[in-house]
Protein backbone atom coordinates (compact mmCIF):
# COMPACT_ATOMS: atom_id res chain seq x y z
CA MET A 1 10.68 35.85 -102.67
CA LYS A 2 7.20 34.52 -101.86
CA ARG A 3 6.39 36.10 -98.50
CA ILE A 4 7.73 39.15 -96.68
CA GLY A 5 7.01 40.87 -93.38
CA ILE A 6 6.91 44.52 -92.38
CA LEU A 7 7.15 46.24 -88.99
CA THR A 8 7.53 49.64 -87.37
CA SER A 9 9.69 49.96 -84.29
CA GLY A 10 10.64 52.69 -81.81
CA GLY A 11 9.16 56.18 -82.02
CA ASP A 12 6.42 56.80 -84.58
CA ALA A 13 6.75 59.27 -87.44
CA PRO A 14 4.06 60.76 -89.72
CA GLY A 15 4.21 59.00 -93.08
CA MET A 16 4.83 55.50 -91.72
CA ASN A 17 1.33 54.47 -92.77
CA ALA A 18 1.92 55.80 -96.28
CA CYS A 19 5.02 53.60 -96.38
CA ILE A 20 3.13 50.53 -95.12
CA ARG A 21 0.37 51.11 -97.67
CA SER A 22 2.87 51.39 -100.51
CA ALA A 23 4.77 48.27 -99.43
CA VAL A 24 1.59 46.22 -99.13
CA ARG A 25 0.19 47.22 -102.51
CA THR A 26 3.56 46.89 -104.26
CA SER A 27 3.97 43.40 -102.79
CA ILE A 28 0.52 42.28 -103.87
CA ALA A 29 1.01 43.72 -107.36
CA SER A 30 4.28 41.77 -107.56
CA GLY A 31 2.70 38.48 -106.49
CA VAL A 32 4.36 38.49 -103.08
CA GLU A 33 2.44 37.87 -99.84
CA ILE A 34 3.02 40.39 -97.08
CA ILE A 35 2.62 39.92 -93.33
CA GLY A 36 2.27 42.73 -90.79
CA VAL A 37 4.26 42.35 -87.58
CA LYS A 38 2.48 44.01 -84.65
CA ARG A 39 4.31 46.15 -82.08
CA GLY A 40 7.74 46.02 -83.71
CA TYR A 41 10.28 43.47 -82.52
CA ALA A 42 7.96 42.50 -79.68
CA GLY A 43 5.56 41.07 -82.27
CA LEU A 44 8.32 38.94 -83.74
CA ILE A 45 8.92 37.39 -80.34
CA THR A 46 5.22 36.88 -79.48
CA ASN A 47 4.34 35.78 -83.02
CA GLU A 48 1.76 38.51 -83.72
CA MET A 49 1.87 38.43 -87.50
CA PRO A 50 -1.44 38.93 -89.34
CA PRO A 51 -1.49 38.91 -93.16
CA LEU A 52 -2.13 42.25 -94.84
CA SER A 53 -4.48 42.85 -97.78
CA ARG A 54 -5.24 45.84 -99.97
CA ASN A 55 -8.27 46.62 -97.84
CA ASP A 56 -6.18 46.62 -94.66
CA VAL A 57 -4.26 49.63 -95.94
CA SER A 58 -7.16 51.56 -97.46
CA ASN A 59 -7.64 55.12 -96.20
CA ILE A 60 -4.46 55.24 -94.10
CA ILE A 61 -2.18 57.38 -96.29
CA HIS A 62 -3.30 60.55 -94.50
CA THR A 63 -3.05 59.21 -90.94
CA GLY A 64 -0.25 59.58 -88.41
CA GLY A 65 1.19 56.90 -86.15
CA SER A 66 1.43 53.30 -87.37
CA ILE A 67 -1.38 50.84 -87.98
CA LEU A 68 1.10 48.12 -87.02
CA GLU A 69 1.79 49.88 -83.70
CA SER A 70 5.22 50.05 -82.12
CA SER A 71 7.13 49.42 -78.92
CA ARG A 72 10.54 49.37 -77.29
CA CYS A 73 11.69 45.76 -76.90
CA PRO A 74 14.63 45.16 -74.54
CA GLU A 75 14.04 41.41 -74.90
CA PHE A 76 15.12 41.60 -78.54
CA GLU A 77 18.52 42.90 -77.45
CA LYS A 78 19.25 39.49 -75.94
CA ALA A 79 20.31 36.50 -78.06
CA GLU A 80 17.44 34.38 -76.68
CA GLY A 81 14.87 36.96 -77.76
CA ARG A 82 16.28 37.16 -81.27
CA LYS A 83 16.34 33.36 -81.47
CA ARG A 84 12.59 33.23 -80.76
CA ALA A 85 12.01 35.97 -83.33
CA ILE A 86 13.95 34.05 -85.99
CA GLU A 87 12.02 30.86 -85.17
CA ASN A 88 8.70 32.68 -85.57
CA LEU A 89 9.78 34.19 -88.86
CA ALA A 90 10.61 30.67 -90.08
CA LYS A 91 7.26 29.31 -88.84
CA ASN A 92 5.48 31.98 -90.85
CA GLU A 93 7.68 31.24 -93.89
CA ILE A 94 8.81 34.88 -94.06
CA GLU A 95 11.86 35.23 -96.31
CA GLY A 96 12.31 39.01 -96.17
CA LEU A 97 11.57 41.66 -93.56
CA ILE A 98 11.10 45.42 -93.93
CA LEU A 99 12.01 47.53 -90.89
CA ILE A 100 10.68 51.09 -90.71
CA ARG A 101 12.50 53.35 -88.24
CA GLY A 102 16.13 54.30 -87.61
CA ASP A 103 19.27 53.76 -85.54
CA GLY A 104 18.14 51.29 -82.86
CA THR A 105 15.87 49.36 -85.20
CA PHE A 106 18.60 49.04 -87.83
CA ARG A 107 21.04 47.76 -85.21
CA GLY A 108 18.55 44.97 -84.51
CA GLY A 109 18.20 44.39 -88.25
CA ALA A 110 21.96 44.05 -88.65
CA LEU A 111 21.97 41.36 -85.95
CA LEU A 112 19.14 39.50 -87.70
CA THR A 113 21.13 39.64 -90.93
CA GLU A 114 24.14 38.11 -89.18
CA GLU A 115 22.21 35.48 -87.21
CA SER A 116 19.67 34.27 -89.78
CA THR A 117 19.02 33.80 -93.48
CA ILE A 118 16.23 36.42 -93.49
CA SER A 119 16.74 39.24 -95.99
CA ILE A 120 16.47 42.53 -94.11
CA ILE A 121 15.71 45.92 -95.67
CA GLY A 122 15.49 49.13 -93.63
CA VAL A 123 13.38 52.20 -94.36
CA PRO A 124 14.34 55.48 -92.61
CA GLY A 125 11.34 56.65 -90.58
CA THR A 126 12.23 59.16 -87.87
CA ILE A 127 11.39 62.83 -87.39
CA ASP A 128 15.01 63.53 -86.38
CA ASN A 129 16.31 63.13 -89.96
CA ASP A 130 19.61 61.89 -88.52
CA VAL A 131 20.00 58.69 -90.56
CA TYR A 132 23.03 58.52 -92.85
CA GLY A 133 22.31 57.44 -96.43
CA THR A 134 19.22 59.49 -97.28
CA ASP A 135 18.52 63.19 -97.75
CA PHE A 136 15.31 63.02 -95.73
CA THR A 137 13.63 60.56 -93.40
CA ILE A 138 9.91 59.86 -93.19
CA GLY A 139 8.27 62.23 -90.70
CA PHE A 140 10.90 64.97 -90.72
CA ASP A 141 9.00 67.38 -92.96
CA THR A 142 5.82 67.04 -90.88
CA ALA A 143 7.71 67.63 -87.64
CA VAL A 144 9.36 70.75 -89.06
CA ASN A 145 6.02 72.13 -90.24
CA CYS A 146 4.55 71.45 -86.79
CA ALA A 147 7.39 73.43 -85.22
CA ILE A 148 7.00 76.27 -87.71
CA GLU A 149 3.29 76.57 -86.97
CA ALA A 150 4.09 76.78 -83.25
CA ILE A 151 6.78 79.42 -83.86
CA ASP A 152 4.37 81.50 -85.96
CA ARG A 153 1.78 81.41 -83.18
CA ILE A 154 4.27 82.05 -80.39
CA ARG A 155 5.73 85.02 -82.26
CA ASP A 156 2.42 86.86 -81.85
CA THR A 157 2.58 86.49 -78.07
CA ALA A 158 6.27 87.37 -77.96
CA ARG A 159 5.63 90.56 -79.91
CA THR A 160 2.56 91.52 -77.87
CA PHE A 161 4.34 91.20 -74.51
CA GLU A 162 7.83 92.15 -75.73
CA ARG A 163 9.36 88.87 -74.58
CA VAL A 164 12.06 86.46 -75.65
CA LEU A 165 10.39 83.10 -76.35
CA PHE A 166 12.44 79.90 -76.29
CA VAL A 167 10.89 77.15 -78.43
CA GLU A 168 12.27 73.68 -77.68
CA VAL A 169 12.02 71.10 -80.47
CA ILE A 170 12.94 67.43 -80.58
CA GLY A 171 16.62 66.70 -81.21
CA HIS A 172 18.62 64.95 -78.49
CA HIS A 173 21.73 64.48 -80.60
CA THR A 174 21.07 66.44 -83.76
CA GLY A 175 19.80 69.85 -84.80
CA PHE A 176 18.07 69.06 -88.09
CA ILE A 177 14.59 70.05 -86.88
CA ALA A 178 15.88 73.09 -85.01
CA LEU A 179 17.86 74.32 -88.03
CA GLN A 180 15.06 73.86 -90.55
CA ALA A 181 12.34 75.23 -88.27
CA GLY A 182 14.56 78.08 -87.10
CA THR A 183 15.35 79.09 -90.68
CA ALA A 184 11.74 78.90 -91.88
CA GLY A 185 10.45 80.51 -88.69
CA GLY A 186 12.89 83.41 -88.76
CA ALA A 187 14.48 82.59 -85.41
CA ASP A 188 16.77 85.15 -83.82
CA SER A 189 19.07 82.45 -82.41
CA LEU A 190 19.60 78.69 -82.52
CA VAL A 191 20.85 76.21 -79.94
CA ILE A 192 21.85 72.89 -81.53
CA PRO A 193 23.98 69.93 -80.38
CA GLU A 194 26.41 70.40 -83.27
CA GLN A 195 27.58 73.72 -81.83
CA PRO A 196 28.87 74.50 -78.31
CA LEU A 197 26.31 76.26 -76.14
CA ASP A 198 27.15 79.98 -76.16
CA VAL A 199 24.82 81.82 -73.80
CA GLU A 200 27.02 84.92 -73.98
CA GLY A 201 26.67 84.92 -77.75
CA ILE A 202 22.89 84.54 -77.53
CA CYS A 203 22.73 87.47 -75.13
CA ARG A 204 24.89 89.66 -77.36
CA GLY A 205 22.69 88.89 -80.35
CA LEU A 206 19.48 89.65 -78.47
CA GLN A 207 20.90 92.87 -77.05
CA GLU A 208 22.07 93.99 -80.48
CA GLY A 209 18.61 93.26 -81.87
CA HIS A 210 17.05 95.31 -79.07
CA ARG A 211 19.43 98.18 -79.85
CA LEU A 212 18.25 98.07 -83.47
CA GLY A 213 14.61 98.27 -82.42
CA LYS A 214 13.53 94.66 -81.92
CA THR A 215 11.15 94.36 -78.98
CA SER A 216 10.78 90.56 -79.04
CA ALA A 217 12.71 87.51 -80.18
CA ILE A 218 12.46 83.77 -80.86
CA VAL A 219 15.20 81.31 -79.88
CA VAL A 220 14.85 77.75 -81.20
CA VAL A 221 16.47 75.10 -79.01
CA ALA A 222 17.10 71.44 -79.82
CA GLU A 223 16.27 69.44 -76.72
CA ALA A 224 19.10 67.87 -74.75
CA GLU A 225 19.44 64.77 -72.60
CA LYS A 226 19.10 66.98 -69.52
CA PRO A 227 15.46 67.82 -68.65
CA GLY A 228 14.78 71.53 -68.35
CA PHE A 229 17.58 72.48 -70.75
CA SER A 230 15.63 75.34 -72.35
CA TYR A 231 14.48 76.67 -68.98
CA GLU A 232 18.05 76.83 -67.76
CA ILE A 233 19.17 78.80 -70.83
CA ALA A 234 16.16 81.13 -70.60
CA GLN A 235 16.91 81.89 -66.96
CA ARG A 236 20.56 82.64 -67.69
CA VAL A 237 19.60 84.93 -70.59
CA ALA A 238 16.99 86.75 -68.49
CA LYS A 239 19.47 87.27 -65.66
CA LYS A 240 22.17 88.67 -67.94
CA THR A 241 20.01 90.82 -70.24
CA GLY A 242 17.05 91.78 -68.08
CA PHE A 243 14.70 90.65 -70.86
CA GLU A 244 11.53 88.80 -69.91
CA THR A 245 11.75 85.19 -71.15
CA ARG A 246 9.31 82.31 -71.56
CA VAL A 247 9.73 78.68 -72.70
CA CYS A 248 7.51 76.49 -74.89
CA VAL A 249 8.43 72.79 -75.12
CA LEU A 250 6.81 71.13 -78.15
CA GLY A 251 7.86 67.59 -77.23
CA HIS A 252 5.85 64.69 -78.62
CA LEU A 253 3.41 67.06 -80.30
CA GLN A 254 5.80 66.88 -83.26
CA ARG A 255 5.46 63.11 -83.65
CA GLY A 256 1.76 62.87 -84.39
CA GLY A 257 -0.75 64.27 -86.82
CA SER A 258 -1.46 63.94 -90.50
CA PRO A 259 1.72 63.75 -92.62
CA THR A 260 2.55 66.50 -95.09
CA ALA A 261 2.49 65.85 -98.83
CA ALA A 262 6.29 65.51 -98.78
CA ASP A 263 6.19 62.76 -96.14
CA ARG A 264 3.35 60.93 -97.91
CA VAL A 265 5.32 60.92 -101.16
CA LEU A 266 8.57 59.93 -99.45
CA GLY A 267 6.88 57.11 -97.55
CA THR A 268 5.22 55.90 -100.74
CA GLU A 269 8.48 55.89 -102.71
CA LEU A 270 10.51 54.17 -100.00
CA GLY A 271 7.84 51.55 -99.27
CA ALA A 272 7.80 50.47 -102.90
CA ALA A 273 11.62 50.62 -103.10
CA ALA A 274 11.95 48.36 -100.05
CA VAL A 275 9.76 45.67 -101.59
CA GLN A 276 11.59 45.88 -104.90
CA ALA A 277 14.93 45.57 -103.09
CA LEU A 278 13.81 42.29 -101.50
CA ILE A 279 12.54 41.00 -104.84
CA ASP A 280 15.94 41.89 -106.34
CA SER A 281 17.70 39.88 -103.57
CA VAL A 282 19.15 42.93 -101.81
CA LYS A 283 19.70 42.31 -98.09
CA GLY A 284 21.22 44.04 -95.09
CA LYS A 285 20.64 47.48 -96.62
CA MET A 286 18.55 50.59 -96.03
CA VAL A 287 16.73 52.20 -98.94
CA GLY A 288 16.97 55.98 -99.13
CA ILE A 289 16.74 58.84 -101.58
CA VAL A 290 19.75 61.03 -102.33
CA GLY A 291 19.04 63.74 -104.86
CA ASP A 292 16.43 62.03 -107.00
CA THR A 293 17.97 58.56 -106.83
CA ILE A 294 17.00 55.51 -104.78
CA THR A 295 20.10 54.41 -102.87
CA TYR A 296 21.16 51.41 -100.79
CA THR A 297 23.24 51.91 -97.65
CA SER A 298 24.50 49.11 -95.41
CA LEU A 299 22.58 49.02 -92.15
CA ARG A 300 25.78 49.40 -90.17
CA ASP A 301 26.75 52.58 -92.08
CA THR A 302 23.43 54.21 -91.18
CA TRP A 303 24.55 54.64 -87.59
CA GLU A 304 28.34 54.41 -87.83
CA LYS A 305 28.56 57.30 -90.30
CA LYS A 306 27.32 60.72 -89.22
CA LYS A 307 24.93 62.74 -91.34
CA ALA A 308 26.02 66.37 -91.44
CA LEU A 309 23.89 69.48 -91.09
CA SER A 310 23.93 72.02 -93.91
CA THR A 311 26.65 74.47 -92.87
CA ARG A 312 25.43 76.80 -95.62
CA LEU A 313 21.94 76.95 -94.13
CA GLU A 314 23.29 77.31 -90.61
CA THR A 315 25.49 80.26 -91.63
CA LEU A 316 22.63 81.89 -93.52
CA THR A 317 20.22 81.51 -90.60
CA ARG A 318 22.64 83.19 -88.20
CA LEU A 319 23.36 85.98 -90.73
CA LEU A 320 19.70 86.79 -91.28
CA ALA A 321 19.01 86.92 -87.53
CA ILE A 322 21.15 90.07 -87.20
């Protein structure tokens, strides 16, 4: 392996730059050239592939976003777009490619593996933490801490005005952020995709808390595909209980900012592991960490197999909210 490429695709996640830095410096230390692909798969198609040096990744470990930038690339979903990408990879003599992101990016990587001789290695970088084959994904810890800080601040207002505050966090299809942030933030109730919506149950819990002397409450909600999901729940709760409710939607606030120590370390470990995997002739896999062990999971398994929430933590969170 003489030359490899690296790209970030889809939504950004804090710690991606730590991963890029680690991959670049590990490559150089191993005598392998490394090329940065700008704007994800779009850069493969438009041939935006500058070489990366040690200096290019200096002083980025603490920064959010991605120095390589990112994009959504519908053109890559078509065979013609992938053909151009493969041709550009060949022109630049790139033998291996590191993909930092998740589900959609890995689906593209699986197609590249099938349609070319390029060795593809995925790195899980998404705040959702919903990628099978790794305990944690890059950016998850930072997003959770962002949500916890918001919950801590909002709790003061909820207590002052004796309100029920609904805090909506990112999580279209999974409740990892909601569960972790709700547990650490002492939420009184959780709404997550893994469980059926039970407005009656939420109301009963809030009313029981009020009977026991609670004058305010926090409900953490994982966002849904339907806009205004949290507002709808808050209105239904207010109508049934008579409690005053408010909603705070954190949205993309959770994606940016300086990564936590955990995400910097995770990004650093996985960046180095991805390079080593390519050197060791591993292809069509995602590197992850399970327990304290670097693991390889087929790209297809990362989206075909579902990563489960901790039922223990979910049960404990609901118990402690009583």
